[in-house]
Protein backbone atom coordinates (compact mmCIF):
# COMPACT_ATOMS: atom_id res chain seq x y z
CA MET A 1 18.96 -5.22 9.58
CA ILE A 2 16.80 -2.70 7.73
CA PHE A 3 13.10 -2.58 8.61
CA HIS A 4 10.79 -2.65 5.63
CA PRO A 5 7.17 -2.00 6.59
CA ILE A 6 5.65 -4.58 4.26
CA LEU A 7 8.25 -7.34 4.27
CA GLY A 8 8.78 -7.08 8.01
CA LEU A 9 5.08 -7.37 8.74
CA ALA A 10 4.50 -10.25 6.37
CA ARG A 11 6.66 -12.57 8.43
CA ILE A 12 6.02 -11.36 11.94
CA HIS A 13 3.07 -13.60 12.76
CA SER A 14 3.95 -16.60 10.62
CA HIS A 15 6.87 -18.96 10.24
CA ARG A 16 6.98 -18.72 6.47
CA ARG A 17 9.28 -16.54 4.44
CA GLY A 18 6.85 -15.02 1.95
CA LYS A 19 8.40 -15.52 -1.48
CA SER A 20 5.64 -14.03 -3.59
CA HIS A 21 6.82 -10.83 -5.26
CA SER A 22 7.38 -9.37 -8.68
CA ILE A 23 10.80 -8.97 -10.26
CA ARG A 24 11.78 -5.41 -11.03
CA PRO A 25 13.33 -4.57 -14.42
CA THR A 26 17.09 -5.07 -14.49
CA SER A 27 17.91 -1.71 -16.07
CA LYS A 28 17.28 1.55 -14.24
CA ARG A 29 17.43 3.54 -17.50
CA ALA A 30 14.39 4.63 -19.48
CA PRO A 31 13.51 1.96 -22.06
CA THR A 32 14.23 2.81 -25.68
CA TRP A 33 11.22 0.85 -26.94
CA SER A 34 8.63 2.81 -24.95
CA THR A 35 6.63 5.09 -27.27
CA TYR A 36 5.13 7.38 -24.62
CA SER A 37 6.62 10.75 -23.74
CA ALA A 38 7.04 11.97 -20.17
CA ASP A 39 4.06 14.35 -20.53
CA GLU A 40 1.78 11.56 -21.76
CA ILE A 41 2.77 9.33 -18.86
CA MET A 42 2.24 12.18 -16.38
CA THR A 43 -1.26 12.92 -17.71
CA GLN A 44 -2.15 9.20 -17.58
CA ILE A 45 -1.00 9.00 -13.94
CA VAL A 46 -3.10 12.02 -12.96
CA LYS A 47 -6.11 10.70 -14.90
CA MET A 48 -5.89 7.27 -13.26
CA ALA A 49 -5.54 8.82 -9.80
CA LYS A 50 -8.65 10.91 -10.42
CA ASP A 51 -10.44 7.70 -11.40
CA GLY A 52 -9.67 6.37 -7.91
CA LEU A 53 -6.73 4.03 -8.51
CA THR A 54 -4.05 3.61 -5.85
CA PRO A 55 -0.36 4.30 -6.71
CA SER A 56 0.44 0.58 -7.00
CA GLU A 57 -2.58 -0.01 -9.26
CA ILE A 58 -1.45 2.92 -11.42
CA GLY A 59 2.01 1.35 -11.70
CA LEU A 60 0.54 -2.02 -12.67
CA ARG A 61 -1.72 -0.50 -15.29
CA LEU A 62 1.16 1.55 -16.76
CA ARG A 63 3.25 -1.61 -16.92
CA ASP A 64 0.57 -3.86 -18.41
CA GLU A 65 -1.39 -1.54 -20.71
CA TYR A 66 1.06 1.22 -21.61
CA SER A 67 4.32 -0.79 -21.55
CA VAL A 68 6.10 1.54 -19.12
CA PRO A 69 8.15 -0.77 -16.85
CA LEU A 70 9.20 1.92 -14.36
CA VAL A 71 8.03 5.52 -14.06
CA LYS A 72 11.03 6.89 -12.16
CA PRO A 73 13.67 6.47 -14.90
CA VAL A 74 11.39 8.17 -17.44
CA LEU A 75 10.11 11.04 -15.30
CA GLY A 76 12.76 11.28 -12.61
CA LYS A 77 10.07 10.99 -9.89
CA SER A 78 7.94 8.27 -8.42
CA ILE A 79 4.18 7.97 -8.89
CA LEU A 80 3.60 9.12 -5.33
CA GLU A 81 5.69 12.28 -5.89
CA ILE A 82 3.69 13.07 -9.04
CA LEU A 83 0.43 12.61 -7.15
CA GLU A 84 1.68 14.87 -4.36
CA GLU A 85 2.59 17.61 -6.87
CA ASN A 86 -0.93 17.47 -8.29
CA GLY A 87 -2.66 17.39 -4.90
CA LEU A 88 -3.86 13.80 -5.36
CA ARG A 89 -1.79 12.05 -2.70
CA PRO A 90 -3.93 9.64 -0.64
CA SER A 91 -4.61 10.70 2.95
CA LEU A 92 -3.41 7.35 4.31
CA PRO A 93 -0.42 5.34 3.08
CA GLU A 94 -1.59 2.51 0.85
CA GLU A 95 -0.40 -0.39 3.04
CA LEU A 96 -2.10 1.04 6.11
CA ASP A 97 -5.30 1.71 4.19
CA ARG A 98 -5.43 -1.89 2.94
CA LEU A 99 -4.84 -3.28 6.43
CA ILE A 100 -7.63 -1.11 7.85
CA LYS A 101 -10.05 -2.22 5.13
CA LYS A 102 -9.12 -5.85 5.83
CA ALA A 103 -9.76 -5.32 9.56
CA LYS A 104 -13.16 -3.80 8.80
CA ARG A 105 -14.12 -6.81 6.66
CA LEU A 106 -13.02 -9.12 9.46
CA GLN A 107 -15.02 -7.12 12.02
CA GLU A 108 -18.14 -7.46 9.83
CA HIS A 109 -17.53 -11.21 9.68
CA LEU A 110 -17.15 -11.43 13.46
CA LYS A 111 -20.39 -9.52 14.02
CA ALA A 112 -22.23 -12.17 12.02
CA HIS A 113 -20.25 -15.14 13.42
CA LYS A 114 -19.71 -14.45 17.10
CA GLY A 115 -18.24 -17.87 17.92
CA ASP A 116 -15.40 -17.67 15.39
CA ARG A 117 -12.46 -17.61 17.84
CA LYS A 118 -9.82 -18.27 15.19
CA ASN A 119 -10.69 -15.05 13.39
CA VAL A 120 -10.75 -13.11 16.66
CA ARG A 121 -7.08 -14.05 16.93
CA SER A 122 -6.57 -13.02 13.29
CA LEU A 123 -8.10 -9.64 14.06
CA GLU A 124 -5.77 -9.24 17.05
CA LEU A 125 -2.75 -9.90 14.84
CA LEU A 126 -4.07 -7.58 12.14
CA GLU A 127 -4.64 -4.76 14.59
CA ALA A 128 -1.13 -5.27 15.98
CA LYS A 129 0.19 -4.81 12.43
CA ILE A 130 -1.89 -1.64 12.04
CA HIS A 131 -0.55 -0.19 15.28
CA ARG A 132 3.03 -1.06 14.39
CA LEU A 133 2.75 0.37 10.88
CA SER A 134 1.03 3.54 12.10
CA LYS A 135 3.86 4.08 14.58
CA TYR A 136 6.36 3.74 11.72
CA TYR A 137 4.48 6.23 9.53
CA LYS A 138 4.13 8.71 12.40
CA SER A 139 7.91 8.59 12.90
CA ARG A 140 8.40 9.28 9.17
CA GLY A 141 5.92 12.16 9.21
CA LEU A 142 3.48 10.51 6.79
CA LEU A 143 0.74 10.35 9.42
CA PRO A 144 -0.23 13.08 11.90
CA GLU A 145 0.94 12.41 15.45
CA ASP A 146 -2.64 12.46 16.77
CA TRP A 147 -3.87 9.80 14.30
CA LYS A 148 -5.24 6.77 16.13
CA TYR A 149 -6.77 3.46 15.14
CA VAL A 150 -9.50 2.33 17.55
CA THR A 151 -9.13 -1.29 18.58
CA VAL A 152 -12.20 -3.50 18.22
CA VAL A 153 -10.90 -6.77 19.67
CA ALA A 154 -11.48 -5.59 23.24
CA GLN A 155 -15.15 -4.99 22.41
CA LEU A 156 -15.56 -8.53 21.08
CA MET A 157 -14.51 -10.29 24.28
């Protein structure tokens, strides 16, 4: 069984299967109906990244507004590789960053509502996901080995 960081984590703490996802285009070739050249797409990607969009948001905007279904068949590289070439790669992987932001929002909630035991458990599960995902990214070399997420659940008890 192959471990996928997002799909594996989605089902770890629940008994559901998680069926919500988008369908990728069937053809891996560059579409003939797309009117944008590779240079135009590249400049749009760099511009959107400078505006503060994440790689997945850039992909969604290219798909919805510029009618580019996939970047890789057109450019031969992924959005993340293009951002890395231009020095715009995010410091943290996107999934990990979103989990950390979610944990911070939950911590703020628990500071205001100290008796909310159900969300203390949710924070425990969320921090377990963060630790597991950070271990995965450290093994892949996408995070420095000394990177550490400080657990807050112990302070709440």
